[in-house]
């Protein structure tokens, strides 16, 4: 559950926030006149969030690529039909082994 502080309350709590955030692993929301204006996270939480956003952006790029999605669907269909090639055979065919 997110902890919420007003701007006036956060002034008193700011020095205790690093320990609180590490201990509770929950973001802190800061409000002004009752409206959320910012969220405070640990650096680790922030980095994890950035990584997830980047992964989602990559996924969206792939989904929007019609050729790549067609190839993906072909691959899924081949798997479902049992039309697969052993990894060692594929490497040999591609000249990688």
PDB file of N, CA and C in Angstrom:
ATOM      1  N   UNK A   1       0.841  -1.172   0.000  1.00  0.00           N
ATOM      2  CA  UNK A   1       0.000   0.000   0.000  1.00  0.00           C
ATOM      3  C   UNK A   1       0.895   1.247   0.000  1.00  0.00           C
ATOM      4  N   UNK A   2       0.580   2.189  -0.847  1.00  0.00           N
ATOM      5  CA  UNK A   2       1.364   3.412  -0.964  1.00  0.00           C
ATOM      6  C   UNK A   2       1.109   4.321   0.218  1.00  0.00           C
ATOM      7  N   UNK A   3       2.174   4.836   0.776  1.00  0.00           N
ATOM      8  CA  UNK A   3       2.057   5.810   1.867  1.00  0.00           C
ATOM      9  C   UNK A   3       1.937   7.187   1.238  1.00  0.00           C
ATOM     10  N   UNK A   4       1.086   8.040   1.783  1.00  0.00           N
ATOM     11  CA  UNK A   4       0.848   9.371   1.231  1.00  0.00           C
ATOM     12  C   UNK A   4       1.141  10.439   2.272  1.00  0.00           C
ATOM     13  N   UNK A   5       1.852  11.482   1.827  1.00  0.00           N
ATOM     14  CA  UNK A   5       2.160  12.621   2.686  1.00  0.00           C
ATOM     15  C   UNK A   5       1.822  13.898   1.931  1.00  0.00           C
ATOM     16  N   UNK A   6       1.393  14.899   2.666  1.00  0.00           N
ATOM     17  CA  UNK A   6       1.256  16.219   2.066  1.00  0.00           C
ATOM     18  C   UNK A   6       2.650  16.841   1.989  1.00  0.00           C
ATOM     19  N   UNK A   7       2.781  17.913   1.244  1.00  0.00           N
ATOM     20  CA  UNK A   7       4.088  18.584   1.145  1.00  0.00           C
ATOM     21  C   UNK A   7       4.567  19.019   2.524  1.00  0.00           C
ATOM     22  N   UNK A   8       3.680  19.532   3.354  1.00  0.00           N
ATOM     23  CA  UNK A   8       4.108  19.965   4.688  1.00  0.00           C
ATOM     24  C   UNK A   8       4.538  18.769   5.539  1.00  0.00           C
ATOM     25  N   UNK A   9       3.882  17.629   5.406  1.00  0.00           N
ATOM     26  CA  UNK A   9       4.264  16.437   6.168  1.00  0.00           C
ATOM     27  C   UNK A   9       5.599  15.862   5.669  1.00  0.00           C
ATOM     28  N   UNK A  10       5.813  15.900   4.366  1.00  0.00           N
ATOM     29  CA  UNK A  10       7.028  15.293   3.813  1.00  0.00           C
ATOM     30  C   UNK A  10       8.272  16.033   4.285  1.00  0.00           C
ATOM     31  N   UNK A  11       8.137  17.331   4.546  1.00  0.00           N
ATOM     32  CA  UNK A  11       9.277  18.094   5.073  1.00  0.00           C
ATOM     33  C   UNK A  11       9.793  17.487   6.368  1.00  0.00           C
ATOM     34  N   UNK A  12       8.878  17.018   7.198  1.00  0.00           N
ATOM     35  CA  UNK A  12       9.267  16.417   8.474  1.00  0.00           C
ATOM     36  C   UNK A  12       9.774  14.989   8.299  1.00  0.00           C
ATOM     37  N   UNK A  13       9.294  14.280   7.288  1.00  0.00           N
ATOM     38  CA  UNK A  13       9.614  12.865   7.092  1.00  0.00           C
ATOM     39  C   UNK A  13      10.807  12.608   6.180  1.00  0.00           C
ATOM     40  N   UNK A  14      11.245  13.606   5.417  1.00  0.00           N
ATOM     41  CA  UNK A  14      12.225  13.386   4.355  1.00  0.00           C
ATOM     42  C   UNK A  14      13.506  12.696   4.831  1.00  0.00           C
ATOM     43  N   UNK A  15      13.967  12.992   6.020  1.00  0.00           N
ATOM     44  CA  UNK A  15      15.213  12.378   6.486  1.00  0.00           C
ATOM     45  C   UNK A  15      15.027  10.904   6.854  1.00  0.00           C
ATOM     46  N   UNK A  16      13.800  10.505   7.124  1.00  0.00           N
ATOM     47  CA  UNK A  16      13.527   9.105   7.474  1.00  0.00           C
ATOM     48  C   UNK A  16      13.106   8.274   6.259  1.00  0.00           C
ATOM     49  N   UNK A  17      12.833   8.920   5.133  1.00  0.00           N
ATOM     50  CA  UNK A  17      12.324   8.215   3.963  1.00  0.00           C
ATOM     51  C   UNK A  17      13.244   7.128   3.413  1.00  0.00           C
ATOM     52  N   UNK A  18      14.551   7.357   3.284  1.00  0.00           N
ATOM     53  CA  UNK A  18      15.386   6.286   2.717  1.00  0.00           C
ATOM     54  C   UNK A  18      15.248   4.959   3.470  1.00  0.00           C
ATOM     55  N   UNK A  19      15.294   4.996   4.775  1.00  0.00           N
ATOM     56  CA  UNK A  19      15.157   3.763   5.565  1.00  0.00           C
ATOM     57  C   UNK A  19      13.757   3.192   5.423  1.00  0.00           C
ATOM     58  N   UNK A  20      12.760   4.051   5.443  1.00  0.00           N
ATOM     59  CA  UNK A  20      11.370   3.604   5.319  1.00  0.00           C
ATOM     60  C   UNK A  20      11.135   2.933   3.960  1.00  0.00           C
ATOM     61  N   UNK A  21      11.652   3.543   2.902  1.00  0.00           N
ATOM     62  CA  UNK A  21      11.469   2.984   1.561  1.00  0.00           C
ATOM     63  C   UNK A  21      12.177   1.641   1.426  1.00  0.00           C
ATOM     64  N   UNK A  22      13.366   1.530   1.963  1.00  0.00           N
ATOM     65  CA  UNK A  22      14.094   0.261   1.904  1.00  0.00           C
ATOM     66  C   UNK A  22      13.376  -0.813   2.713  1.00  0.00           C
ATOM     67  N   UNK A  23      12.876  -0.448   3.863  1.00  0.00           N
ATOM     68  CA  UNK A  23      12.214  -1.408   4.749  1.00  0.00           C
ATOM     69  C   UNK A  23      10.870  -1.858   4.190  1.00  0.00           C
ATOM     70  N   UNK A  24      10.052  -0.912   3.764  1.00  0.00           N
ATOM     71  CA  UNK A  24       8.690  -1.229   3.354  1.00  0.00           C
ATOM     72  C   UNK A  24       8.558  -1.523   1.862  1.00  0.00           C
ATOM     73  N   UNK A  25       9.535  -1.097   1.053  1.00  0.00           N
ATOM     74  CA  UNK A  25       9.511  -1.332  -0.395  1.00  0.00           C
ATOM     75  C   UNK A  25       8.233  -0.816  -1.050  1.00  0.00           C
ATOM     76  N   UNK A  26       7.685   0.254  -0.514  1.00  0.00           N
ATOM     77  CA  UNK A  26       6.476   0.852  -1.077  1.00  0.00           C
ATOM     78  C   UNK A  26       6.747   2.299  -1.455  1.00  0.00           C
ATOM     79  N   UNK A  27       6.283   2.724  -2.630  1.00  0.00           N
ATOM     80  CA  UNK A  27       6.466   4.121  -3.025  1.00  0.00           C
ATOM     81  C   UNK A  27       5.752   5.064  -2.062  1.00  0.00           C
ATOM     82  N   UNK A  28       6.189   6.299  -2.072  1.00  0.00           N
ATOM     83  CA  UNK A  28       5.571   7.343  -1.252  1.00  0.00           C
ATOM     84  C   UNK A  28       4.987   8.384  -2.207  1.00  0.00           C
ATOM     85  N   UNK A  29       3.735   8.724  -1.999  1.00  0.00           N
ATOM     86  CA  UNK A  29       3.091   9.745  -2.811  1.00  0.00           C
ATOM     87  C   UNK A  29       3.054  11.047  -2.023  1.00  0.00           C
ATOM     88  N   UNK A  30       3.385  12.138  -2.693  1.00  0.00           N
ATOM     89  CA  UNK A  30       3.345  13.466  -2.072  1.00  0.00           C
ATOM     90  C   UNK A  30       2.200  14.235  -2.724  1.00  0.00           C
ATOM     91  N   UNK A  31       1.396  14.869  -1.878  1.00  0.00           N
ATOM     92  CA  UNK A  31       0.241  15.614  -2.387  1.00  0.00           C
ATOM     93  C   UNK A  31       0.370  17.100  -2.101  1.00  0.00           C
ATOM     94  N   UNK A  32      -0.307  17.880  -2.934  1.00  0.00           N
ATOM     95  CA  UNK A  32      -0.445  19.314  -2.711  1.00  0.00           C
ATOM     96  C   UNK A  32      -1.935  19.620  -2.832  1.00  0.00           C
ATOM     97  N   UNK A  33      -2.473  20.185  -1.792  1.00  0.00           N
ATOM     98  CA  UNK A  33      -3.907  20.474  -1.745  1.00  0.00           C
ATOM     99  C   UNK A  33      -4.742  19.236  -2.054  1.00  0.00           C
ATOM    100  N   UNK A  34      -4.266  18.094  -1.557  1.00  0.00           N
ATOM    101  CA  UNK A  34      -5.008  16.850  -1.703  1.00  0.00           C
ATOM    102  C   UNK A  34      -4.812  16.119  -3.023  1.00  0.00           C
ATOM    103  N   UNK A  35      -4.062  16.700  -3.944  1.00  0.00           N
ATOM    104  CA  UNK A  35      -3.833  16.079  -5.249  1.00  0.00           C
ATOM    105  C   UNK A  35      -2.407  15.531  -5.331  1.00  0.00           C
ATOM    106  N   UNK A  36      -2.235  14.307  -5.829  1.00  0.00           N
ATOM    107  CA  UNK A  36      -0.887  13.756  -5.969  1.00  0.00           C
ATOM    108  C   UNK A  36      -0.054  14.597  -6.940  1.00  0.00           C
ATOM    109  N   UNK A  37       1.176  14.937  -6.535  1.00  0.00           N
ATOM    110  CA  UNK A  37       2.055  15.738  -7.391  1.00  0.00           C
ATOM    111  C   UNK A  37       3.380  15.029  -7.688  1.00  0.00           C
ATOM    112  N   UNK A  38       3.744  14.020  -6.890  1.00  0.00           N
ATOM    113  CA  UNK A  38       4.963  13.270  -7.159  1.00  0.00           C
ATOM    114  C   UNK A  38       4.966  11.975  -6.366  1.00  0.00           C
ATOM    115  N   UNK A  39       5.798  11.054  -6.843  1.00  0.00           N
ATOM    116  CA  UNK A  39       5.969   9.769  -6.174  1.00  0.00           C
ATOM    117  C   UNK A  39       7.463   9.558  -5.942  1.00  0.00           C
ATOM    118  N   UNK A  40       7.801   9.072  -4.776  1.00  0.00           N
ATOM    119  CA  UNK A  40       9.197   8.833  -4.414  1.00  0.00           C
ATOM    120  C   UNK A  40       9.414   7.324  -4.335  1.00  0.00           C
ATOM    121  N   UNK A  41      10.457   6.858  -5.036  1.00  0.00           N
ATOM    122  CA  UNK A  41      10.821   5.438  -5.068  1.00  0.00           C
ATOM    123  C   UNK A  41      12.284   5.291  -4.684  1.00  0.00           C
ATOM    124  N   UNK A  42      12.667   4.075  -4.326  1.00  0.00           N
ATOM    125  CA  UNK A  42      14.101   3.816  -4.165  1.00  0.00           C
ATOM    126  C   UNK A  42      14.719   3.796  -5.564  1.00  0.00           C
ATOM    127  N   UNK A  43      16.008   3.978  -5.636  1.00  0.00           N
ATOM    128  CA  UNK A  43      16.694   3.935  -6.927  1.00  0.00           C
ATOM    129  C   UNK A  43      16.522   2.566  -7.570  1.00  0.00           C
ATOM    130  N   UNK A  44      16.580   1.513  -6.783  1.00  0.00           N
ATOM    131  CA  UNK A  44      16.395   0.161  -7.316  1.00  0.00           C
ATOM    132  C   UNK A  44      15.004   0.001  -7.928  1.00  0.00           C
ATOM    133  N   UNK A  45      13.972   0.478  -7.232  1.00  0.00           N
ATOM    134  CA  UNK A  45      12.606   0.400  -7.762  1.00  0.00           C
ATOM    135  C   UNK A  45      12.489   1.197  -9.061  1.00  0.00           C
ATOM    136  N   UNK A  46      13.117   2.362  -9.096  1.00  0.00           N
ATOM    137  CA  UNK A  46      13.089   3.204 -10.282  1.00  0.00           C
ATOM    138  C   UNK A  46      13.752   2.498 -11.459  1.00  0.00           C
ATOM    139  N   UNK A  47      14.926   1.888 -11.220  1.00  0.00           N
ATOM    140  CA  UNK A  47      15.644   1.174 -12.278  1.00  0.00           C
ATOM    141  C   UNK A  47      14.827  -0.008 -12.789  1.00  0.00           C
ATOM    142  N   UNK A  48      14.205  -0.750 -11.876  1.00  0.00           N
ATOM    143  CA  UNK A  48      13.373  -1.884 -12.284  1.00  0.00           C
ATOM    144  C   UNK A  48      12.191  -1.407 -13.134  1.00  0.00           C
ATOM    145  N   UNK A  49      11.610  -0.298 -12.759  1.00  0.00           N
ATOM    146  CA  UNK A  49      10.498   0.270 -13.526  1.00  0.00           C
ATOM    147  C   UNK A  49      10.954   0.686 -14.919  1.00  0.00           C
ATOM    148  N   UNK A  50      12.125   1.326 -15.012  1.00  0.00           N
ATOM    149  CA  UNK A  50      12.666   1.707 -16.319  1.00  0.00           C
ATOM    150  C   UNK A  50      12.913   0.490 -17.198  1.00  0.00           C
ATOM    151  N   UNK A  51      13.445  -0.586 -16.607  1.00  0.00           N
ATOM    152  CA  UNK A  51      13.694  -1.809 -17.373  1.00  0.00           C
ATOM    153  C   UNK A  51      12.392  -2.391 -17.911  1.00  0.00           C
ATOM    154  N   UNK A  52      11.351  -2.385 -17.089  1.00  0.00           N
ATOM    155  CA  UNK A  52      10.052  -2.895 -17.534  1.00  0.00           C
ATOM    156  C   UNK A  52       9.475  -2.033 -18.652  1.00  0.00           C
ATOM    157  N   UNK A  53       9.619  -0.738 -18.531  1.00  0.00           N
ATOM    158  CA  UNK A  53       9.117   0.168 -19.574  1.00  0.00           C
ATOM    159  C   UNK A  53       9.857  -0.068 -20.882  1.00  0.00           C
ATOM    160  N   UNK A  54      11.182  -0.218 -20.810  1.00  0.00           N
ATOM    161  CA  UNK A  54      11.977  -0.485 -22.008  1.00  0.00           C
ATOM    162  C   UNK A  54      11.562  -1.802 -22.652  1.00  0.00           C
ATOM    163  N   UNK A  55      11.320  -2.827 -21.841  1.00  0.00           N
ATOM    164  CA  UNK A  55      10.901  -4.127 -22.366  1.00  0.00           C
ATOM    165  C   UNK A  55       9.534  -4.004 -23.046  1.00  0.00           C
ATOM    166  N   UNK A  56       8.638  -3.247 -22.443  1.00  0.00           N
ATOM    167  CA  UNK A  56       7.317  -3.037 -23.049  1.00  0.00           C
ATOM    168  C   UNK A  56       7.425  -2.280 -24.365  1.00  0.00           C
ATOM    169  N   UNK A  57       8.317  -1.286 -24.419  1.00  0.00           N
ATOM    170  CA  UNK A  57       8.513  -0.535 -25.662  1.00  0.00           C
ATOM    171  C   UNK A  57       9.032  -1.453 -26.761  1.00  0.00           C
ATOM    172  N   UNK A  58       9.979  -2.329 -26.426  1.00  0.00           N
ATOM    173  CA  UNK A  58      10.503  -3.275 -27.406  1.00  0.00           C
ATOM    174  C   UNK A  58       9.405  -4.216 -27.886  1.00  0.00           C
ATOM    175  N   UNK A  59       8.577  -4.679 -26.961  1.00  0.00           N
ATOM    176  CA  UNK A  59       7.470  -5.562 -27.322  1.00  0.00           C
ATOM    177  C   UNK A  59       6.507  -4.854 -28.260  1.00  0.00           C
ATOM    178  N   UNK A  60       6.191  -3.606 -27.965  1.00  0.00           N
ATOM    179  CA  UNK A  60       5.296  -2.848 -28.838  1.00  0.00           C
ATOM    180  C   UNK A  60       5.886  -2.664 -30.226  1.00  0.00           C
ATOM    181  N   UNK A  61       7.190  -2.417 -30.299  1.00  0.00           N
ATOM    182  CA  UNK A  61       7.846  -2.282 -31.601  1.00  0.00           C
ATOM    183  C   UNK A  61       7.731  -3.575 -32.399  1.00  0.00           C
ATOM    184  N   UNK A  62       7.924  -4.697 -31.737  1.00  0.00           N
ATOM    185  CA  UNK A  62       7.826  -5.988 -32.415  1.00  0.00           C
ATOM    186  C   UNK A  62       6.402  -6.237 -32.887  1.00  0.00           C
ATOM    187  N   UNK A  63       5.437  -5.980 -32.020  1.00  0.00           N
ATOM    188  CA  UNK A  63       4.030  -6.204 -32.371  1.00  0.00           C
ATOM    189  C   UNK A  63       3.621  -5.353 -33.564  1.00  0.00           C
ATOM    190  N   UNK A  64       4.182  -4.169 -33.677  1.00  0.00           N
ATOM    191  CA  UNK A  64       3.830  -3.263 -34.769  1.00  0.00           C
ATOM    192  C   UNK A  64       4.544  -3.608 -36.077  1.00  0.00           C
ATOM    193  N   UNK A  65       5.551  -4.483 -36.019  1.00  0.00           N
ATOM    194  CA  UNK A  65       6.295  -4.882 -37.209  1.00  0.00           C
ATOM    195  C   UNK A  65       5.561  -6.057 -37.861  1.00  0.00           C
ATOM    196  N   UNK A  66       4.857  -5.778 -38.962  1.00  0.00           N
ATOM    197  CA  UNK A  66       4.016  -6.791 -39.595  1.00  0.00           C
ATOM    198  C   UNK A  66       4.822  -7.995 -40.089  1.00  0.00           C
ATOM    199  N   UNK A  67       5.985  -7.755 -40.675  1.00  0.00           N
ATOM    200  CA  UNK A  67       6.810  -8.856 -41.167  1.00  0.00           C
ATOM    201  C   UNK A  67       7.281  -9.750 -40.024  1.00  0.00           C
ATOM    202  N   UNK A  68       7.723  -9.123 -38.946  1.00  0.00           N
ATOM    203  CA  UNK A  68       8.214  -9.899 -37.815  1.00  0.00           C
ATOM    204  C   UNK A  68       7.082 -10.716 -37.188  1.00  0.00           C
ATOM    205  N   UNK A  69       5.906 -10.120 -37.074  1.00  0.00           N
ATOM    206  CA  UNK A  69       4.769 -10.843 -36.497  1.00  0.00           C
ATOM    207  C   UNK A  69       4.332 -11.987 -37.407  1.00  0.00           C
ATOM    208  N   UNK A  70       4.400 -11.800 -38.729  1.00  0.00           N
ATOM    209  CA  UNK A  70       4.047 -12.876 -39.662  1.00  0.00           C
ATOM    210  C   UNK A  70       5.027 -14.037 -39.486  1.00  0.00           C
ATOM    211  N   UNK A  71       6.314 -13.721 -39.365  1.00  0.00           N
ATOM    212  CA  UNK A  71       7.328 -14.761 -39.155  1.00  0.00           C
ATOM    213  C   UNK A  71       7.100 -15.463 -37.821  1.00  0.00           C
ATOM    214  N   UNK A  72       6.743 -14.703 -36.811  1.00  0.00           N
ATOM    215  CA  UNK A  72       6.464 -15.281 -35.492  1.00  0.00           C
ATOM    216  C   UNK A  72       5.286 -16.250 -35.581  1.00  0.00           C
ATOM    217  N   UNK A  73       4.202 -15.825 -36.249  1.00  0.00           N
ATOM    218  CA  UNK A  73       3.026 -16.683 -36.378  1.00  0.00           C
ATOM    219  C   UNK A  73       3.356 -17.968 -37.155  1.00  0.00           C
ATOM    220  N   UNK A  74       4.193 -17.828 -38.185  1.00  0.00           N
ATOM    221  CA  UNK A  74       4.632 -19.012 -38.937  1.00  0.00           C
ATOM    222  C   UNK A  74       5.394 -19.967 -38.028  1.00  0.00           C
ATOM    223  N   UNK A  75       6.259 -19.401 -37.193  1.00  0.00           N
ATOM    224  CA  UNK A  75       7.032 -20.230 -36.269  1.00  0.00           C
ATOM    225  C   UNK A  75       6.153 -20.950 -35.271  1.00  0.00           C
ATOM    226  N   UNK A  76       5.171 -20.251 -34.748  1.00  0.00           N
ATOM    227  CA  UNK A  76       4.240 -20.867 -33.786  1.00  0.00           C
ATOM    228  C   UNK A  76       3.471 -21.989 -34.476  1.00  0.00           C
ATOM    229  N   UNK A  77       3.012 -21.732 -35.687  1.00  0.00           N
ATOM    230  CA  UNK A  77       2.268 -22.748 -36.438  1.00  0.00           C
ATOM    231  C   UNK A  77       3.148 -23.973 -36.682  1.00  0.00           C
ATOM    232  N   UNK A  78       4.404 -23.740 -37.072  1.00  0.00           N
ATOM    233  CA  UNK A  78       5.332 -24.853 -37.308  1.00  0.00           C
ATOM    234  C   UNK A  78       5.532 -25.669 -36.039  1.00  0.00           C
ATOM    235  N   UNK A  79       5.652 -24.994 -34.906  1.00  0.00           N
ATOM    236  CA  UNK A  79       5.796 -25.706 -33.626  1.00  0.00           C
ATOM    237  C   UNK A  79       4.564 -26.542 -33.334  1.00  0.00           C
ATOM    238  N   UNK A  80       3.388 -25.962 -33.532  1.00  0.00           N
ATOM    239  CA  UNK A  80       2.142 -26.680 -33.265  1.00  0.00           C
ATOM    240  C   UNK A  80       1.990 -27.903 -34.165  1.00  0.00           C
ATOM    241  N   UNK A  81       2.512 -27.805 -35.382  1.00  0.00           N
ATOM    242  CA  UNK A  81       2.413 -28.912 -36.335  1.00  0.00           C
ATOM    243  C   UNK A  81       3.577 -29.880 -36.217  1.00  0.00           C
ATOM    244  N   UNK A  82       4.476 -29.607 -35.298  1.00  0.00           N
ATOM    245  CA  UNK A  82       5.616 -30.494 -35.096  1.00  0.00           C
ATOM    246  C   UNK A  82       6.678 -30.372 -36.175  1.00  0.00           C
ATOM    247  N   UNK A  83       6.654 -29.301 -36.919  1.00  0.00           N
ATOM    248  CA  UNK A  83       7.629 -29.086 -37.995  1.00  0.00           C
ATOM    249  C   UNK A  83       8.822 -28.300 -37.451  1.00  0.00           C
ATOM    250  N   UNK A  84       9.617 -28.987 -36.669  1.00  0.00           N
ATOM    251  CA  UNK A  84      10.776 -28.326 -36.069  1.00  0.00           C
ATOM    252  C   UNK A  84      12.052 -29.011 -36.523  1.00  0.00           C
ATOM    253  N   UNK A  85      13.164 -28.328 -36.316  1.00  0.00           N
ATOM    254  CA  UNK A  85      14.485 -28.856 -36.665  1.00  0.00           C
ATOM    255  C   UNK A  85      15.326 -28.826 -35.395  1.00  0.00           C
ATOM    256  N   UNK A  86      16.058 -29.891 -35.172  1.00  0.00           N
ATOM    257  CA  UNK A  86      16.936 -29.932 -33.992  1.00  0.00           C
ATOM    258  C   UNK A  86      17.955 -28.806 -34.083  1.00  0.00           C
ATOM    259  N   UNK A  87      18.324 -28.228 -32.946  1.00  0.00           N
ATOM    260  CA  UNK A  87      19.243 -27.098 -32.901  1.00  0.00           C
ATOM    261  C   UNK A  87      20.573 -27.428 -33.583  1.00  0.00           C
ATOM    262  N   UNK A  88      21.121 -28.598 -33.321  1.00  0.00           N
ATOM    263  CA  UNK A  88      22.398 -28.981 -33.934  1.00  0.00           C
ATOM    264  C   UNK A  88      22.267 -29.069 -35.462  1.00  0.00           C
ATOM    265  N   UNK A  89      21.137 -29.580 -35.929  1.00  0.00           N
ATOM    266  CA  UNK A  89      20.911 -29.661 -37.386  1.00  0.00           C
ATOM    267  C   UNK A  89      20.777 -28.265 -37.986  1.00  0.00           C
ATOM    268  N   UNK A  90      20.071 -27.389 -37.307  1.00  0.00           N
ATOM    269  CA  UNK A  90      19.892 -26.020 -37.807  1.00  0.00           C
ATOM    270  C   UNK A  90      21.236 -25.311 -37.891  1.00  0.00           C
ATOM    271  N   UNK A  91      22.083 -25.481 -36.882  1.00  0.00           N
ATOM    272  CA  UNK A  91      23.412 -24.848 -36.908  1.00  0.00           C
ATOM    273  C   UNK A  91      24.235 -25.365 -38.080  1.00  0.00           C
ATOM    274  N   UNK A  92      24.158 -26.685 -38.321  1.00  0.00           N
ATOM    275  CA  UNK A  92      24.892 -27.267 -39.445  1.00  0.00           C
ATOM    276  C   UNK A  92      24.391 -26.698 -40.771  1.00  0.00           C
ATOM    277  N   UNK A  93      23.068 -26.619 -40.932  1.00  0.00           N
ATOM    278  CA  UNK A  93      22.475 -26.102 -42.163  1.00  0.00           C
ATOM    279  C   UNK A  93      22.859 -24.641 -42.408  1.00  0.00           C
ATOM    280  N   UNK A  94      23.011 -23.895 -41.338  1.00  0.00           N
ATOM    281  CA  UNK A  94      23.375 -22.481 -41.457  1.00  0.00           C
ATOM    282  C   UNK A  94      24.883 -22.262 -41.484  1.00  0.00           C
ATOM    283  N   UNK A  95      25.630 -23.341 -41.368  1.00  0.00           N
ATOM    284  CA  UNK A  95      27.090 -23.229 -41.398  1.00  0.00           C
ATOM    285  C   UNK A  95      27.668 -22.669 -40.127  1.00  0.00           C
ATOM    286  N   UNK A  96      26.964 -22.849 -39.034  1.00  0.00           N
ATOM    287  CA  UNK A  96      27.424 -22.316 -37.738  1.00  0.00           C
ATOM    288  C   UNK A  96      28.096 -23.384 -36.876  1.00  0.00           C
ATOM    289  N   UNK A  97      28.033 -24.617 -37.317  1.00  0.00           N
ATOM    290  CA  UNK A  97      28.598 -25.698 -36.497  1.00  0.00           C
ATOM    291  C   UNK A  97      29.864 -26.248 -37.116  1.00  0.00           C
TER     292      UNK A  97
END
